Amino acid sequence: MHNRDFFIKYKLHHVFFWMLVLGTWFSLRAADYSSEELAFKVTLIKVADLALMVYITNYVLIPFLLYRKRYFLFALVFIAMVFASSIIKMNILGQLLQNPALINWQQNFRLRLYDNIIPHFFLVIAGAAVQLMLDYGRLQQRMATIAKEKAEAELNFLKSQINPHFVFNSLNAVYFLIHKDNAPARETLHKFSEMLRYQLYEMNGDKVPIEKEVSYLKDYCDLQQLRKDENYAVSFQADPSVKGFMIEPLLLLPLQKFPI
């Protein structure tokens, strides 16, 4: 397994990203607290809270609500999640920092709104935007792959139509090149053409009329006779009453017995 596939499979790039966010956030805000240990705890709580909201949004709300066009419910749940997460986080930080002002939302609602809830909205929306861009890129790649496969299938289908058409035209040309007095050669070529047409165009379904299968077997036996010398005899007999029902294509062919 390549290193890139290993990282993607176990989401190690996510771990490194959040470690980078944690380290950057800690280095920028460590001086705001009385000790580095306290600064690290506060930063860890904030980063964990942000990561939790981003993953809930990207892996739950977006695929199960937004992509299913439940826009109002998505917006309602998203707003409620950010508010609830902010309240829980500020209560934890208030107890950790022993700062009652962080817990008292009634007197400091506007300050908490500007300092916590609104920044969280933008940060989580930024994470969701990244996820939407990645999903859009994967969708475009998948559509390009489907378009390529469709084009290849159409080309193969066109080739399958052109090649039999060329074969039949060639057989017709050979047929008319054979002298009219050589009736056996003309008849043999005609039978071969009919057998080929049957195999290419009339056996596409699960079943075929028994009459066509009997006709194919008769032509097959006649061509087999041409491959044998005067010491061999190939015969074919079919009851005229065998008609009016369907069978699988070429079902009877393996049952033919030719003398050795």
C-alpha atoms as a PDB file:
ATOM      1  CA  MET A   1       0.000   0.000   0.000  1.00  0.00           C
ATOM      2  CA  HIS A   2       1.344   3.412  -0.944  1.00  0.00           C
ATOM      3  CA  ASN A   3       1.924   5.993   1.782  1.00  0.00           C
ATOM      4  CA  ARG A   4      -0.760   8.259   0.328  1.00  0.00           C
ATOM      5  CA  ASP A   5      -3.365   5.460   0.354  1.00  0.00           C
ATOM      6  CA  PHE A   6      -2.346   4.530   3.912  1.00  0.00           C
ATOM      7  CA  PHE A   7      -2.792   8.131   5.072  1.00  0.00           C
ATOM      8  CA  ILE A   8      -6.191   8.427   3.396  1.00  0.00           C
ATOM      9  CA  LYS A   9      -7.445   5.074   4.672  1.00  0.00           C
ATOM     10  CA  TYR A  10      -6.681   5.834   8.311  1.00  0.00           C
ATOM     11  CA  LYS A  11      -7.408   9.596   8.057  1.00  0.00           C
ATOM     12  CA  LEU A  12      -3.933  10.457   9.308  1.00  0.00           C
ATOM     13  CA  HIS A  13      -3.952  13.669   7.293  1.00  0.00           C
ATOM     14  CA  HIS A  14      -6.910  14.774   9.435  1.00  0.00           C
ATOM     15  CA  VAL A  15      -4.892  14.106  12.580  1.00  0.00           C
ATOM     16  CA  PHE A  16      -1.926  16.113  11.316  1.00  0.00           C
ATOM     17  CA  PHE A  17      -4.209  18.975  10.273  1.00  0.00           C
ATOM     18  CA  TRP A  18      -5.819  19.304  13.692  1.00  0.00           C
ATOM     19  CA  MET A  19      -2.445  18.963  15.389  1.00  0.00           C
ATOM     20  CA  LEU A  20      -1.248  21.867  13.242  1.00  0.00           C
ATOM     21  CA  VAL A  21      -4.329  23.911  14.196  1.00  0.00           C
ATOM     22  CA  LEU A  22      -3.770  23.087  17.866  1.00  0.00           C
ATOM     23  CA  GLY A  23      -0.105  24.055  17.746  1.00  0.00           C
ATOM     24  CA  THR A  24      -0.752  27.302  15.861  1.00  0.00           C
ATOM     25  CA  TRP A  25      -3.646  28.308  18.108  1.00  0.00           C
ATOM     26  CA  PHE A  26      -1.639  27.523  21.242  1.00  0.00           C
ATOM     27  CA  SER A  27       1.410  29.517  20.102  1.00  0.00           C
ATOM     28  CA  LEU A  28      -0.739  32.555  19.319  1.00  0.00           C
ATOM     29  CA  ARG A  29      -2.794  32.554  22.550  1.00  0.00           C
ATOM     30  CA  ALA A  30      -0.455  31.043  25.154  1.00  0.00           C
ATOM     31  CA  ALA A  31       0.528  34.482  26.489  1.00  0.00           C
ATOM     32  CA  ASP A  32      -3.126  35.266  27.344  1.00  0.00           C
ATOM     33  CA  TYR A  33      -3.169  32.768  30.219  1.00  0.00           C
ATOM     34  CA  SER A  34      -1.357  32.429  33.522  1.00  0.00           C
ATOM     35  CA  SER A  35       0.453  29.235  32.589  1.00  0.00           C
ATOM     36  CA  GLU A  36       1.233  27.202  29.479  1.00  0.00           C
ATOM     37  CA  GLU A  37      -0.558  24.205  30.964  1.00  0.00           C
ATOM     38  CA  LEU A  38      -3.763  26.190  31.341  1.00  0.00           C
ATOM     39  CA  ALA A  39      -3.321  27.681  27.869  1.00  0.00           C
ATOM     40  CA  PHE A  40      -2.918  24.204  26.376  1.00  0.00           C
ATOM     41  CA  LYS A  41      -6.068  22.896  28.115  1.00  0.00           C
ATOM     42  CA  VAL A  42      -8.138  25.850  26.904  1.00  0.00           C
ATOM     43  CA  THR A  43      -6.786  25.528  23.372  1.00  0.00           C
ATOM     44  CA  LEU A  44      -7.412  21.778  23.341  1.00  0.00           C
ATOM     45  CA  ILE A  45     -11.033  22.288  24.399  1.00  0.00           C
ATOM     46  CA  LYS A  46     -11.621  24.933  21.718  1.00  0.00           C
ATOM     47  CA  VAL A  47      -9.996  22.869  18.946  1.00  0.00           C
ATOM     48  CA  ALA A  48     -11.835  19.692  19.985  1.00  0.00           C
ATOM     49  CA  ASP A  49     -15.135  21.604  20.016  1.00  0.00           C
ATOM     50  CA  LEU A  50     -14.463  23.039  16.566  1.00  0.00           C
ATOM     51  CA  ALA A  51     -13.383  19.662  15.126  1.00  0.00           C
ATOM     52  CA  LEU A  52     -16.488  17.973  16.529  1.00  0.00           C
ATOM     53  CA  MET A  53     -18.802  20.519  14.897  1.00  0.00           C
ATOM     54  CA  VAL A  54     -16.941  20.322  11.577  1.00  0.00           C
ATOM     55  CA  TYR A  55     -17.185  16.525  11.440  1.00  0.00           C
ATOM     56  CA  ILE A  56     -20.848  16.467  12.449  1.00  0.00           C
ATOM     57  CA  THR A  57     -21.571  19.021   9.729  1.00  0.00           C
ATOM     58  CA  ASN A  58     -19.490  17.328   7.015  1.00  0.00           C
ATOM     59  CA  TYR A  59     -20.364  13.703   7.677  1.00  0.00           C
ATOM     60  CA  VAL A  60     -23.909  13.916   9.046  1.00  0.00           C
ATOM     61  CA  LEU A  61     -25.687  17.170   8.199  1.00  0.00           C
ATOM     62  CA  ILE A  62     -24.374  17.643   4.652  1.00  0.00           C
ATOM     63  CA  PRO A  63     -24.917  14.092   3.304  1.00  0.00           C
ATOM     64  CA  PHE A  64     -28.170  13.363   5.150  1.00  0.00           C
ATOM     65  CA  LEU A  65     -29.841  16.782   4.996  1.00  0.00           C
ATOM     66  CA  LEU A  66     -28.199  19.188   2.555  1.00  0.00           C
ATOM     67  CA  TYR A  67     -27.628  16.683  -0.290  1.00  0.00           C
ATOM     68  CA  ARG A  68     -31.175  15.411   0.162  1.00  0.00           C
ATOM     69  CA  LYS A  69     -32.476  18.969  -0.358  1.00  0.00           C
ATOM     70  CA  ARG A  70     -33.812  19.330   3.179  1.00  0.00           C
ATOM     71  CA  TYR A  71     -32.424  22.845   3.356  1.00  0.00           C
ATOM     72  CA  PHE A  72     -34.627  24.272   6.128  1.00  0.00           C
ATOM     73  CA  LEU A  73     -33.965  21.333   8.448  1.00  0.00           C
ATOM     74  CA  PHE A  74     -30.236  21.538   7.663  1.00  0.00           C
ATOM     75  CA  ALA A  75     -30.117  25.245   8.584  1.00  0.00           C
ATOM     76  CA  LEU A  76     -32.187  24.694  11.742  1.00  0.00           C
ATOM     77  CA  VAL A  77     -30.054  21.796  12.997  1.00  0.00           C
ATOM     78  CA  PHE A  78     -26.822  23.597  12.064  1.00  0.00           C
ATOM     79  CA  ILE A  79     -27.744  26.741  14.000  1.00  0.00           C
ATOM     80  CA  ALA A  80     -28.957  24.737  17.000  1.00  0.00           C
ATOM     81  CA  MET A  81     -25.747  22.693  16.991  1.00  0.00           C
ATOM     82  CA  VAL A  82     -23.498  25.782  16.986  1.00  0.00           C
ATOM     83  CA  PHE A  83     -25.486  27.440  19.786  1.00  0.00           C
ATOM     84  CA  ALA A  84     -25.505  24.296  21.928  1.00  0.00           C
ATOM     85  CA  SER A  85     -21.829  23.623  21.320  1.00  0.00           C
ATOM     86  CA  SER A  86     -20.901  27.213  22.225  1.00  0.00           C
ATOM     87  CA  ILE A  87     -22.895  27.109  25.455  1.00  0.00           C
ATOM     88  CA  ILE A  88     -21.368  23.782  26.523  1.00  0.00           C
ATOM     89  CA  LYS A  89     -17.861  24.917  25.639  1.00  0.00           C
ATOM     90  CA  MET A  90     -18.162  28.226  27.513  1.00  0.00           C
ATOM     91  CA  ASN A  91     -19.488  26.459  30.600  1.00  0.00           C
ATOM     92  CA  ILE A  92     -16.509  24.087  30.555  1.00  0.00           C
ATOM     93  CA  LEU A  93     -14.075  26.980  30.079  1.00  0.00           C
ATOM     94  CA  GLY A  94     -15.821  29.024  32.795  1.00  0.00           C
ATOM     95  CA  GLN A  95     -15.296  26.238  35.304  1.00  0.00           C
ATOM     96  CA  LEU A  96     -11.728  25.598  34.147  1.00  0.00           C
ATOM     97  CA  LEU A  97     -10.760  29.278  34.312  1.00  0.00           C
ATOM     98  CA  GLN A  98     -12.954  29.907  37.377  1.00  0.00           C
ATOM     99  CA  ASN A  99     -14.570  32.788  35.527  1.00  0.00           C
ATOM    100  CA  PRO A 100     -18.337  33.068  36.263  1.00  0.00           C
ATOM    101  CA  ALA A 101     -18.715  35.680  33.502  1.00  0.00           C
ATOM    102  CA  LEU A 102     -18.225  32.979  30.885  1.00  0.00           C
ATOM    103  CA  ILE A 103     -21.132  31.000  32.311  1.00  0.00           C
ATOM    104  CA  ASN A 104     -23.508  33.909  32.844  1.00  0.00           C
ATOM    105  CA  TRP A 105     -25.066  34.243  29.373  1.00  0.00           C
ATOM    106  CA  GLN A 106     -27.932  36.496  30.459  1.00  0.00           C
ATOM    107  CA  GLN A 107     -25.686  39.437  31.308  1.00  0.00           C
ATOM    108  CA  ASN A 108     -23.062  38.812  28.647  1.00  0.00           C
ATOM    109  CA  PHE A 109     -25.116  37.454  25.732  1.00  0.00           C
ATOM    110  CA  ARG A 110     -24.004  40.099  23.214  1.00  0.00           C
ATOM    111  CA  LEU A 111     -20.348  39.602  24.153  1.00  0.00           C
ATOM    112  CA  ARG A 112     -20.678  35.801  23.975  1.00  0.00           C
ATOM    113  CA  LEU A 113     -22.442  36.168  20.621  1.00  0.00           C
ATOM    114  CA  TYR A 114     -19.609  38.199  19.094  1.00  0.00           C
ATOM    115  CA  ASP A 115     -16.748  36.330  20.763  1.00  0.00           C
ATOM    116  CA  ASN A 116     -17.928  32.731  20.452  1.00  0.00           C
ATOM    117  CA  ILE A 117     -21.058  31.966  18.463  1.00  0.00           C
ATOM    118  CA  ILE A 118     -20.421  34.088  15.349  1.00  0.00           C
ATOM    119  CA  PRO A 119     -16.753  33.000  15.004  1.00  0.00           C
ATOM    120  CA  HIS A 120     -17.889  29.402  15.350  1.00  0.00           C
ATOM    121  CA  PHE A 121     -20.409  29.874  12.577  1.00  0.00           C
ATOM    122  CA  PHE A 122     -17.739  31.097  10.190  1.00  0.00           C
ATOM    123  CA  LEU A 123     -15.192  28.454  11.186  1.00  0.00           C
ATOM    124  CA  VAL A 124     -17.628  25.557  10.792  1.00  0.00           C
ATOM    125  CA  ILE A 125     -18.954  27.007   7.532  1.00  0.00           C
ATOM    126  CA  ALA A 126     -15.351  27.202   6.279  1.00  0.00           C
ATOM    127  CA  GLY A 127     -14.878  23.518   7.101  1.00  0.00           C
ATOM    128  CA  ALA A 128     -18.154  22.684   5.348  1.00  0.00           C
ATOM    129  CA  ALA A 129     -17.060  24.693   2.301  1.00  0.00           C
ATOM    130  CA  VAL A 130     -13.891  22.609   2.047  1.00  0.00           C
ATOM    131  CA  GLN A 131     -15.960  19.421   2.214  1.00  0.00           C
ATOM    132  CA  LEU A 132     -18.358  20.703  -0.463  1.00  0.00           C
ATOM    133  CA  MET A 133     -15.446  21.527  -2.771  1.00  0.00           C
ATOM    134  CA  LEU A 134     -13.933  18.068  -2.261  1.00  0.00           C
ATOM    135  CA  ASP A 135     -17.289  16.395  -2.924  1.00  0.00           C
ATOM    136  CA  TYR A 136     -17.757  18.518  -6.043  1.00  0.00           C
ATOM    137  CA  GLY A 137     -14.300  17.539  -7.301  1.00  0.00           C
ATOM    138  CA  ARG A 138     -15.027  13.847  -6.719  1.00  0.00           C
ATOM    139  CA  LEU A 139     -18.382  14.212  -8.466  1.00  0.00           C
ATOM    140  CA  GLN A 140     -16.747  15.841 -11.498  1.00  0.00           C
ATOM    141  CA  GLN A 141     -14.131  13.089 -11.620  1.00  0.00           C
ATOM    142  CA  ARG A 142     -16.800  10.398 -11.373  1.00  0.00           C
ATOM    143  CA  MET A 143     -18.860  12.065 -14.112  1.00  0.00           C
ATOM    144  CA  ALA A 144     -15.774  12.264 -16.336  1.00  0.00           C
ATOM    145  CA  THR A 145     -15.127   8.557 -15.760  1.00  0.00           C
ATOM    146  CA  ILE A 146     -18.742   7.694 -16.571  1.00  0.00           C
ATOM    147  CA  ALA A 147     -18.620   9.851 -19.710  1.00  0.00           C
ATOM    148  CA  LYS A 148     -15.399   8.113 -20.806  1.00  0.00           C
ATOM    149  CA  GLU A 149     -16.867   4.664 -20.192  1.00  0.00           C
ATOM    150  CA  LYS A 150     -20.026   5.641 -22.082  1.00  0.00           C
ATOM    151  CA  ALA A 151     -17.992   6.905 -25.022  1.00  0.00           C
ATOM    152  CA  GLU A 152     -15.951   3.685 -25.086  1.00  0.00           C
ATOM    153  CA  ALA A 153     -19.128   1.593 -24.926  1.00  0.00           C
ATOM    154  CA  GLU A 154     -20.661   3.561 -27.799  1.00  0.00           C
ATOM    155  CA  LEU A 155     -17.456   3.162 -29.818  1.00  0.00           C
ATOM    156  CA  ASN A 156     -17.382  -0.591 -29.184  1.00  0.00           C
ATOM    157  CA  PHE A 157     -21.043  -0.831 -30.142  1.00  0.00           C
ATOM    158  CA  LEU A 158     -20.349   1.112 -33.326  1.00  0.00           C
ATOM    159  CA  LYS A 159     -17.464  -1.214 -34.129  1.00  0.00           C
ATOM    160  CA  SER A 160     -19.680  -4.234 -33.550  1.00  0.00           C
ATOM    161  CA  GLN A 161     -22.161  -2.773 -36.030  1.00  0.00           C
ATOM    162  CA  ILE A 162     -19.569  -1.808 -38.620  1.00  0.00           C
ATOM    163  CA  ASN A 163     -17.669  -5.110 -38.650  1.00  0.00           C
ATOM    164  CA  PRO A 164     -20.694  -7.398 -39.343  1.00  0.00           C
ATOM    165  CA  HIS A 165     -21.885  -4.903 -41.938  1.00  0.00           C
ATOM    166  CA  PHE A 166     -18.494  -5.147 -43.661  1.00  0.00           C
ATOM    167  CA  VAL A 167     -18.590  -8.965 -43.471  1.00  0.00           C
ATOM    168  CA  PHE A 168     -22.033  -9.179 -45.068  1.00  0.00           C
ATOM    169  CA  ASN A 169     -21.078  -6.767 -47.801  1.00  0.00           C
ATOM    170  CA  SER A 170     -17.984  -8.863 -48.509  1.00  0.00           C
ATOM    171  CA  LEU A 171     -20.045 -12.064 -48.603  1.00  0.00           C
ATOM    172  CA  ASN A 172     -22.479 -10.474 -51.047  1.00  0.00           C
ATOM    173  CA  ALA A 173     -19.589  -9.381 -53.231  1.00  0.00           C
ATOM    174  CA  VAL A 174     -18.137 -12.919 -53.241  1.00  0.00           C
ATOM    175  CA  TYR A 175     -21.597 -14.341 -53.941  1.00  0.00           C
ATOM    176  CA  PHE A 176     -21.939 -12.293 -57.122  1.00  0.00           C
ATOM    177  CA  LEU A 177     -18.389 -13.136 -58.191  1.00  0.00           C
ATOM    178  CA  ILE A 178     -19.231 -16.852 -58.206  1.00  0.00           C
ATOM    179  CA  HIS A 179     -20.336 -17.990 -61.610  1.00  0.00           C
ATOM    180  CA  LYS A 180     -24.095 -18.522 -61.903  1.00  0.00           C
ATOM    181  CA  ASP A 181     -23.565 -22.069 -63.104  1.00  0.00           C
ATOM    182  CA  ASN A 182     -21.877 -22.930 -59.800  1.00  0.00           C
ATOM    183  CA  ALA A 183     -25.135 -23.222 -57.871  1.00  0.00           C
ATOM    184  CA  PRO A 184     -23.728 -25.339 -54.975  1.00  0.00           C
ATOM    185  CA  ALA A 185     -21.087 -22.706 -54.161  1.00  0.00           C
ATOM    186  CA  ARG A 186     -23.653 -19.928 -54.236  1.00  0.00           C
ATOM    187  CA  GLU A 187     -26.067 -21.896 -52.069  1.00  0.00           C
ATOM    188  CA  THR A 188     -23.340 -22.752 -49.568  1.00  0.00           C
ATOM    189  CA  LEU A 189     -22.255 -19.120 -49.262  1.00  0.00           C
ATOM    190  CA  HIS A 190     -25.876 -18.062 -48.834  1.00  0.00           C
ATOM    191  CA  LYS A 191     -26.378 -20.602 -46.027  1.00  0.00           C
ATOM    192  CA  PHE A 192     -23.232 -19.413 -44.287  1.00  0.00           C
ATOM    193  CA  SER A 193     -24.430 -15.792 -44.535  1.00  0.00           C
ATOM    194  CA  GLU A 194     -27.809 -16.738 -43.041  1.00  0.00           C
ATOM    195  CA  MET A 195     -26.152 -18.616 -40.183  1.00  0.00           C
ATOM    196  CA  LEU A 196     -23.910 -15.658 -39.444  1.00  0.00           C
ATOM    197  CA  ARG A 197     -26.864 -13.264 -39.517  1.00  0.00           C
ATOM    198  CA  TYR A 198     -28.750 -15.519 -37.108  1.00  0.00           C
ATOM    199  CA  GLN A 199     -25.858 -15.609 -34.645  1.00  0.00           C
ATOM    200  CA  LEU A 200     -25.227 -11.870 -34.761  1.00  0.00           C
ATOM    201  CA  TYR A 201     -28.714 -10.386 -34.873  1.00  0.00           C
ATOM    202  CA  GLU A 202     -31.358 -12.937 -33.911  1.00  0.00           C
ATOM    203  CA  MET A 203     -29.833 -14.475 -30.779  1.00  0.00           C
ATOM    204  CA  ASN A 204     -29.757 -11.340 -28.618  1.00  0.00           C
ATOM    205  CA  GLY A 205     -32.795 -12.389 -26.586  1.00  0.00           C
ATOM    206  CA  ASP A 206     -33.060 -15.144 -24.003  1.00  0.00           C
ATOM    207  CA  LYS A 207     -35.146 -17.320 -26.328  1.00  0.00           C
ATOM    208  CA  VAL A 208     -35.745 -17.753 -30.062  1.00  0.00           C
ATOM    209  CA  PRO A 209     -38.515 -19.441 -32.109  1.00  0.00           C
ATOM    210  CA  ILE A 210     -37.931 -23.149 -32.611  1.00  0.00           C
ATOM    211  CA  GLU A 211     -38.446 -22.720 -36.368  1.00  0.00           C
ATOM    212  CA  LYS A 212     -35.371 -20.484 -36.628  1.00  0.00           C
ATOM    213  CA  GLU A 213     -33.318 -22.856 -34.523  1.00  0.00           C
ATOM    214  CA  VAL A 214     -34.302 -25.800 -36.755  1.00  0.00           C
ATOM    215  CA  SER A 215     -33.415 -23.813 -39.879  1.00  0.00           C
ATOM    216  CA  TYR A 216     -30.046 -22.917 -38.377  1.00  0.00           C
ATOM    217  CA  LEU A 217     -29.356 -26.568 -37.541  1.00  0.00           C
ATOM    218  CA  LYS A 218     -30.219 -27.670 -41.071  1.00  0.00           C
ATOM    219  CA  ASP A 219     -27.789 -25.146 -42.560  1.00  0.00           C
ATOM    220  CA  TYR A 220     -25.193 -26.221 -40.029  1.00  0.00           C
ATOM    221  CA  CYS A 221     -25.521 -29.850 -41.023  1.00  0.00           C
ATOM    222  CA  ASP A 222     -25.310 -28.983 -44.695  1.00  0.00           C
ATOM    223  CA  LEU A 223     -22.057 -27.115 -44.118  1.00  0.00           C
ATOM    224  CA  GLN A 224     -20.710 -30.014 -42.076  1.00  0.00           C
ATOM    225  CA  GLN A 225     -21.318 -32.306 -45.028  1.00  0.00           C
ATOM    226  CA  LEU A 226     -19.006 -30.153 -47.121  1.00  0.00           C
ATOM    227  CA  ARG A 227     -16.177 -30.813 -44.665  1.00  0.00           C
ATOM    228  CA  LYS A 228     -16.530 -34.584 -45.039  1.00  0.00           C
ATOM    229  CA  ASP A 229     -15.517 -36.809 -47.930  1.00  0.00           C
ATOM    230  CA  GLU A 230     -17.613 -39.473 -49.629  1.00  0.00           C
ATOM    231  CA  ASN A 231     -16.945 -41.908 -46.767  1.00  0.00           C
ATOM    232  CA  TYR A 232     -19.016 -39.806 -44.352  1.00  0.00           C
ATOM    233  CA  ALA A 233     -22.682 -38.953 -44.398  1.00  0.00           C
ATOM    234  CA  VAL A 234     -24.320 -36.110 -42.475  1.00  0.00           C
ATOM    235  CA  SER A 235     -28.096 -36.108 -42.299  1.00  0.00           C
ATOM    236  CA  PHE A 236     -30.675 -33.900 -40.619  1.00  0.00           C
ATOM    237  CA  GLN A 237     -34.328 -34.668 -40.000  1.00  0.00           C
ATOM    238  CA  ALA A 238     -36.927 -32.493 -38.256  1.00  0.00           C
ATOM    239  CA  ASP A 239     -40.593 -33.241 -37.728  1.00  0.00           C
ATOM    240  CA  PRO A 240     -42.757 -30.557 -39.429  1.00  0.00           C
ATOM    241  CA  SER A 241     -44.906 -30.399 -36.277  1.00  0.00           C
ATOM    242  CA  VAL A 242     -41.987 -28.967 -34.302  1.00  0.00           C
ATOM    243  CA  LYS A 243     -43.036 -25.317 -34.271  1.00  0.00           C
ATOM    244  CA  GLY A 244     -44.894 -22.665 -32.315  1.00  0.00           C
ATOM    245  CA  PHE A 245     -42.725 -22.400 -29.191  1.00  0.00           C
ATOM    246  CA  MET A 246     -39.515 -20.749 -27.974  1.00  0.00           C
ATOM    247  CA  ILE A 247     -36.223 -22.271 -26.792  1.00  0.00           C
ATOM    248  CA  GLU A 248     -32.807 -21.014 -25.733  1.00  0.00           C
ATOM    249  CA  PRO A 249     -30.498 -20.120 -28.651  1.00  0.00           C
ATOM    250  CA  LEU A 250     -28.194 -22.940 -29.812  1.00  0.00           C
ATOM    251  CA  LEU A 251     -29.633 -25.278 -27.199  1.00  0.00           C
ATOM    252  CA  LEU A 252     -29.856 -28.167 -29.701  1.00  0.00           C
ATOM    253  CA  LEU A 253     -26.483 -27.651 -31.353  1.00  0.00           C
ATOM    254  CA  PRO A 254     -24.417 -29.636 -28.768  1.00  0.00           C
ATOM    255  CA  LEU A 255     -26.823 -32.589 -29.281  1.00  0.00           C
ATOM    256  CA  GLN A 256     -25.835 -33.032 -32.946  1.00  0.00           C
ATOM    257  CA  LYS A 257     -24.003 -36.279 -33.608  1.00  0.00           C
ATOM    258  CA  PHE A 258     -21.695 -36.633 -36.546  1.00  0.00           C
ATOM    259  CA  PRO A 259     -20.194 -39.997 -37.457  1.00  0.00           C
ATOM    260  CA  ILE A 260     -16.479 -40.323 -37.001  1.00  0.00           C
END
